[in-house]
Amino acid sequence: MFLDANVWFSAAHSQEGGSFFIMRLAKAKLLAKYAKIISKKDAPILACAAEHSDYLLTLDNEFLKAIIINSAARSGLKIIKPKDFIEIYR
């Protein structure tokens, strides 16, 4: 799903309209996918990275656990440390 800017503005302006409802559902669905395997505070980061990036560079050991790395890989996301990224693209 891709939301036009006017849907974002509408959702930000009113918490009672359909735009806000759609935004809330989309966020809940995306976060639920990752909240099962990572902390609630880290789920939005992992979800966003998995949906919009090829790499998540981190020093946070929570993201570097095998279960997280394997789950992210199924979405095409590689989770690595910054030094490893530099070595890949040197």
N, C-alpha and C. Protein backbone atom coordinates (compact mmCIF):
# COMPACT_ATOMS: atom_id res chain seq x y z
N MET A 1 0.85 -1.16 0.00
CA MET A 1 0.00 0.00 0.00
C MET A 1 0.90 1.24 0.00
N PHE A 2 0.59 2.17 -0.85
CA PHE A 2 1.29 3.45 -0.88
C PHE A 2 0.26 4.54 -0.61
N LEU A 3 0.57 5.40 0.34
CA LEU A 3 -0.36 6.46 0.72
C LEU A 3 0.09 7.79 0.16
N ASP A 4 -0.81 8.47 -0.51
CA ASP A 4 -0.55 9.80 -1.03
C ASP A 4 -0.36 10.76 0.15
N ALA A 5 0.34 11.84 -0.08
CA ALA A 5 0.63 12.81 0.98
C ALA A 5 -0.63 13.33 1.66
N ASN A 6 -1.71 13.50 0.90
CA ASN A 6 -2.92 14.05 1.51
C ASN A 6 -3.52 13.10 2.55
N VAL A 7 -3.29 11.79 2.40
CA VAL A 7 -3.74 10.83 3.41
C VAL A 7 -2.93 11.00 4.69
N TRP A 8 -1.62 11.20 4.54
CA TRP A 8 -0.75 11.43 5.71
C TRP A 8 -1.18 12.70 6.44
N PHE A 9 -1.39 13.76 5.69
CA PHE A 9 -1.80 15.02 6.32
C PHE A 9 -3.15 14.89 7.01
N SER A 10 -4.07 14.20 6.37
CA SER A 10 -5.38 14.00 6.96
C SER A 10 -5.28 13.20 8.26
N ALA A 11 -4.47 12.16 8.25
CA ALA A 11 -4.29 11.34 9.45
C ALA A 11 -3.65 12.13 10.58
N ALA A 12 -2.73 13.03 10.23
CA ALA A 12 -2.09 13.86 11.25
C ALA A 12 -3.03 14.92 11.80
N HIS A 13 -3.98 15.32 10.99
CA HIS A 13 -4.90 16.39 11.38
C HIS A 13 -6.05 15.88 12.25
N SER A 14 -6.53 14.67 11.98
CA SER A 14 -7.69 14.15 12.69
C SER A 14 -7.50 12.69 13.05
N GLN A 15 -7.76 12.37 14.31
CA GLN A 15 -7.67 10.98 14.76
C GLN A 15 -9.01 10.26 14.64
N GLU A 16 -9.96 10.86 13.97
CA GLU A 16 -11.28 10.25 13.85
C GLU A 16 -11.62 9.82 12.43
N GLY A 17 -10.85 10.25 11.46
CA GLY A 17 -11.18 9.95 10.06
C GLY A 17 -10.63 8.62 9.58
N GLY A 18 -11.02 8.29 8.37
CA GLY A 18 -10.59 7.05 7.74
C GLY A 18 -9.09 6.99 7.51
N SER A 19 -8.48 8.12 7.20
CA SER A 19 -7.03 8.14 6.96
C SER A 19 -6.27 7.72 8.21
N PHE A 20 -6.68 8.23 9.36
CA PHE A 20 -6.02 7.87 10.61
C PHE A 20 -6.22 6.38 10.90
N PHE A 21 -7.42 5.88 10.65
CA PHE A 21 -7.73 4.48 10.88
C PHE A 21 -6.84 3.58 10.02
N ILE A 22 -6.69 3.93 8.74
CA ILE A 22 -5.84 3.16 7.83
C ILE A 22 -4.39 3.19 8.31
N MET A 23 -3.90 4.35 8.71
CA MET A 23 -2.53 4.48 9.20
C MET A 23 -2.31 3.59 10.43
N ARG A 24 -3.26 3.62 11.34
CA ARG A 24 -3.14 2.83 12.57
C ARG A 24 -3.14 1.34 12.26
N LEU A 25 -4.00 0.90 11.36
CA LEU A 25 -4.03 -0.52 10.98
C LEU A 25 -2.73 -0.97 10.31
N ALA A 26 -2.24 -0.15 9.39
CA ALA A 26 -1.00 -0.49 8.68
C ALA A 26 0.17 -0.59 9.66
N LYS A 27 0.25 0.36 10.58
CA LYS A 27 1.33 0.35 11.57
C LYS A 27 1.22 -0.88 12.46
N ALA A 28 0.04 -1.19 12.94
CA ALA A 28 -0.16 -2.33 13.83
C ALA A 28 0.20 -3.64 13.14
N LYS A 29 -0.19 -3.78 11.89
CA LYS A 29 0.10 -5.01 11.14
C LYS A 29 1.60 -5.18 10.94
N LEU A 30 2.27 -4.11 10.56
CA LEU A 30 3.71 -4.16 10.32
C LEU A 30 4.47 -4.43 11.61
N LEU A 31 4.11 -3.75 12.68
CA LEU A 31 4.81 -3.94 13.95
C LEU A 31 4.55 -5.31 14.54
N ALA A 32 3.35 -5.84 14.36
CA ALA A 32 3.02 -7.15 14.91
C ALA A 32 3.93 -8.24 14.34
N LYS A 33 4.30 -8.07 13.09
CA LYS A 33 5.17 -9.04 12.43
C LYS A 33 6.51 -9.17 13.14
N TYR A 34 7.04 -8.06 13.63
CA TYR A 34 8.37 -8.06 14.24
C TYR A 34 8.34 -8.04 15.76
N ALA A 35 7.24 -7.63 16.37
CA ALA A 35 7.15 -7.55 17.82
C ALA A 35 7.24 -8.93 18.47
N LYS A 36 7.03 -9.98 17.69
CA LYS A 36 7.12 -11.34 18.22
C LYS A 36 8.56 -11.76 18.48
N ILE A 37 9.50 -11.12 17.81
CA ILE A 37 10.90 -11.57 17.91
C ILE A 37 11.86 -10.54 18.48
N ILE A 38 11.40 -9.31 18.67
CA ILE A 38 12.29 -8.26 19.17
C ILE A 38 11.51 -7.37 20.13
N SER A 39 12.21 -6.60 20.93
CA SER A 39 11.56 -5.76 21.93
C SER A 39 10.61 -4.75 21.28
N LYS A 40 9.63 -4.32 22.04
CA LYS A 40 8.63 -3.36 21.54
C LYS A 40 9.28 -2.07 21.07
N LYS A 41 10.34 -1.62 21.76
CA LYS A 41 10.99 -0.37 21.38
C LYS A 41 11.80 -0.51 20.09
N ASP A 42 12.27 -1.72 19.79
CA ASP A 42 13.08 -1.94 18.59
C ASP A 42 12.26 -2.39 17.38
N ALA A 43 11.03 -2.84 17.61
CA ALA A 43 10.19 -3.34 16.51
C ALA A 43 9.98 -2.30 15.40
N PRO A 44 9.71 -1.01 15.73
CA PRO A 44 9.53 -0.03 14.65
C PRO A 44 10.78 0.15 13.78
N ILE A 45 11.94 0.08 14.39
CA ILE A 45 13.20 0.23 13.64
C ILE A 45 13.37 -0.94 12.69
N LEU A 46 13.18 -2.14 13.20
CA LEU A 46 13.33 -3.33 12.37
C LEU A 46 12.28 -3.36 11.26
N ALA A 47 11.06 -3.03 11.58
CA ALA A 47 9.99 -3.03 10.58
C ALA A 47 10.27 -2.04 9.46
N CYS A 48 10.67 -0.84 9.82
CA CYS A 48 10.96 0.19 8.82
C CYS A 48 12.14 -0.22 7.95
N ALA A 49 13.18 -0.71 8.58
CA ALA A 49 14.37 -1.12 7.81
C ALA A 49 14.01 -2.26 6.87
N ALA A 50 13.25 -3.24 7.34
CA ALA A 50 12.90 -4.39 6.51
C ALA A 50 12.03 -3.98 5.32
N GLU A 51 11.21 -2.98 5.50
CA GLU A 51 10.32 -2.54 4.42
C GLU A 51 11.00 -1.60 3.42
N HIS A 52 12.05 -0.88 3.86
CA HIS A 52 12.56 0.20 3.02
C HIS A 52 14.06 0.19 2.77
N SER A 53 14.77 -0.81 3.26
CA SER A 53 16.23 -0.79 3.14
C SER A 53 16.79 -2.15 2.76
N ASP A 54 18.00 -2.13 2.29
CA ASP A 54 18.73 -3.37 2.03
C ASP A 54 19.62 -3.74 3.22
N TYR A 55 20.05 -2.72 3.97
CA TYR A 55 20.95 -2.94 5.10
C TYR A 55 20.46 -2.18 6.33
N LEU A 56 20.65 -2.80 7.49
CA LEU A 56 20.49 -2.12 8.78
C LEU A 56 21.85 -2.21 9.44
N LEU A 57 22.49 -1.07 9.60
CA LEU A 57 23.80 -1.02 10.25
C LEU A 57 23.57 -0.70 11.71
N THR A 58 24.12 -1.53 12.59
CA THR A 58 23.86 -1.35 14.01
C THR A 58 25.00 -1.88 14.86
N LEU A 59 25.09 -1.33 16.05
CA LEU A 59 26.00 -1.85 17.07
C LEU A 59 25.19 -2.48 18.21
N ASP A 60 23.88 -2.47 18.08
CA ASP A 60 22.97 -2.98 19.10
C ASP A 60 22.91 -4.51 18.98
N ASN A 61 23.37 -5.20 20.01
CA ASN A 61 23.41 -6.66 19.98
C ASN A 61 22.02 -7.30 19.88
N GLU A 62 20.99 -6.58 20.26
CA GLU A 62 19.62 -7.09 20.13
C GLU A 62 19.31 -7.40 18.66
N PHE A 63 19.75 -6.55 17.76
CA PHE A 63 19.50 -6.74 16.33
C PHE A 63 20.41 -7.81 15.73
N LEU A 64 21.51 -8.13 16.40
CA LEU A 64 22.50 -9.03 15.85
C LEU A 64 22.29 -10.49 16.28
N LYS A 65 21.18 -10.77 16.92
CA LYS A 65 20.86 -12.15 17.30
C LYS A 65 20.45 -12.92 16.04
N ALA A 66 20.77 -14.21 16.01
CA ALA A 66 20.51 -15.04 14.83
C ALA A 66 19.04 -15.02 14.41
N ILE A 67 18.12 -15.09 15.37
CA ILE A 67 16.69 -15.12 15.02
C ILE A 67 16.27 -13.82 14.32
N ILE A 68 16.84 -12.70 14.74
CA ILE A 68 16.52 -11.41 14.12
C ILE A 68 17.13 -11.33 12.73
N ILE A 69 18.40 -11.70 12.63
CA ILE A 69 19.09 -11.66 11.34
C ILE A 69 18.39 -12.56 10.31
N ASN A 70 18.00 -13.75 10.73
CA ASN A 70 17.33 -14.69 9.82
C ASN A 70 15.95 -14.20 9.40
N SER A 71 15.21 -13.64 10.34
CA SER A 71 13.89 -13.11 10.02
C SER A 71 14.00 -11.94 9.04
N ALA A 72 14.94 -11.05 9.29
CA ALA A 72 15.14 -9.90 8.42
C ALA A 72 15.60 -10.34 7.03
N ALA A 73 16.41 -11.36 6.97
CA ALA A 73 16.91 -11.85 5.68
C ALA A 73 15.77 -12.33 4.79
N ARG A 74 14.71 -12.87 5.38
CA ARG A 74 13.56 -13.31 4.59
C ARG A 74 12.88 -12.13 3.91
N SER A 75 13.08 -10.93 4.45
CA SER A 75 12.54 -9.70 3.82
C SER A 75 13.56 -9.03 2.92
N GLY A 76 14.74 -9.64 2.80
CA GLY A 76 15.79 -9.07 1.97
C GLY A 76 16.68 -8.07 2.70
N LEU A 77 16.55 -7.99 4.02
CA LEU A 77 17.34 -7.05 4.82
C LEU A 77 18.55 -7.76 5.41
N LYS A 78 19.69 -7.13 5.26
CA LYS A 78 20.92 -7.63 5.88
C LYS A 78 21.22 -6.75 7.10
N ILE A 79 21.42 -7.38 8.25
CA ILE A 79 21.75 -6.65 9.47
C ILE A 79 23.21 -6.92 9.79
N ILE A 80 24.00 -5.86 9.77
CA ILE A 80 25.43 -6.01 10.00
C ILE A 80 25.96 -4.81 10.78
N LYS A 81 27.20 -4.95 11.27
CA LYS A 81 27.87 -3.85 11.95
C LYS A 81 28.45 -2.90 10.91
N PRO A 82 28.62 -1.63 11.26
CA PRO A 82 29.17 -0.66 10.31
C PRO A 82 30.52 -1.09 9.71
N LYS A 83 31.40 -1.68 10.54
CA LYS A 83 32.72 -2.09 10.02
C LYS A 83 32.58 -3.17 8.94
N ASP A 84 31.58 -4.04 9.09
CA ASP A 84 31.35 -5.08 8.08
C ASP A 84 30.84 -4.48 6.77
N PHE A 85 30.01 -3.46 6.88
CA PHE A 85 29.52 -2.77 5.70
C PHE A 85 30.67 -2.10 4.95
N ILE A 86 31.56 -1.48 5.69
CA ILE A 86 32.73 -0.83 5.07
C ILE A 86 33.59 -1.86 4.34
N GLU A 87 33.78 -3.03 4.95
CA GLU A 87 34.58 -4.07 4.32
C GLU A 87 33.93 -4.58 3.03
N ILE A 88 32.61 -4.65 3.00
CA ILE A 88 31.89 -5.09 1.80
C ILE A 88 32.09 -4.10 0.66
N TYR A 89 32.02 -2.83 0.97
CA TYR A 89 32.04 -1.79 -0.07
C TYR A 89 33.35 -1.04 -0.20
N ARG A 90 34.41 -1.62 0.25
CA ARG A 90 35.72 -0.99 0.07
C ARG A 90 36.17 -1.09 -1.34
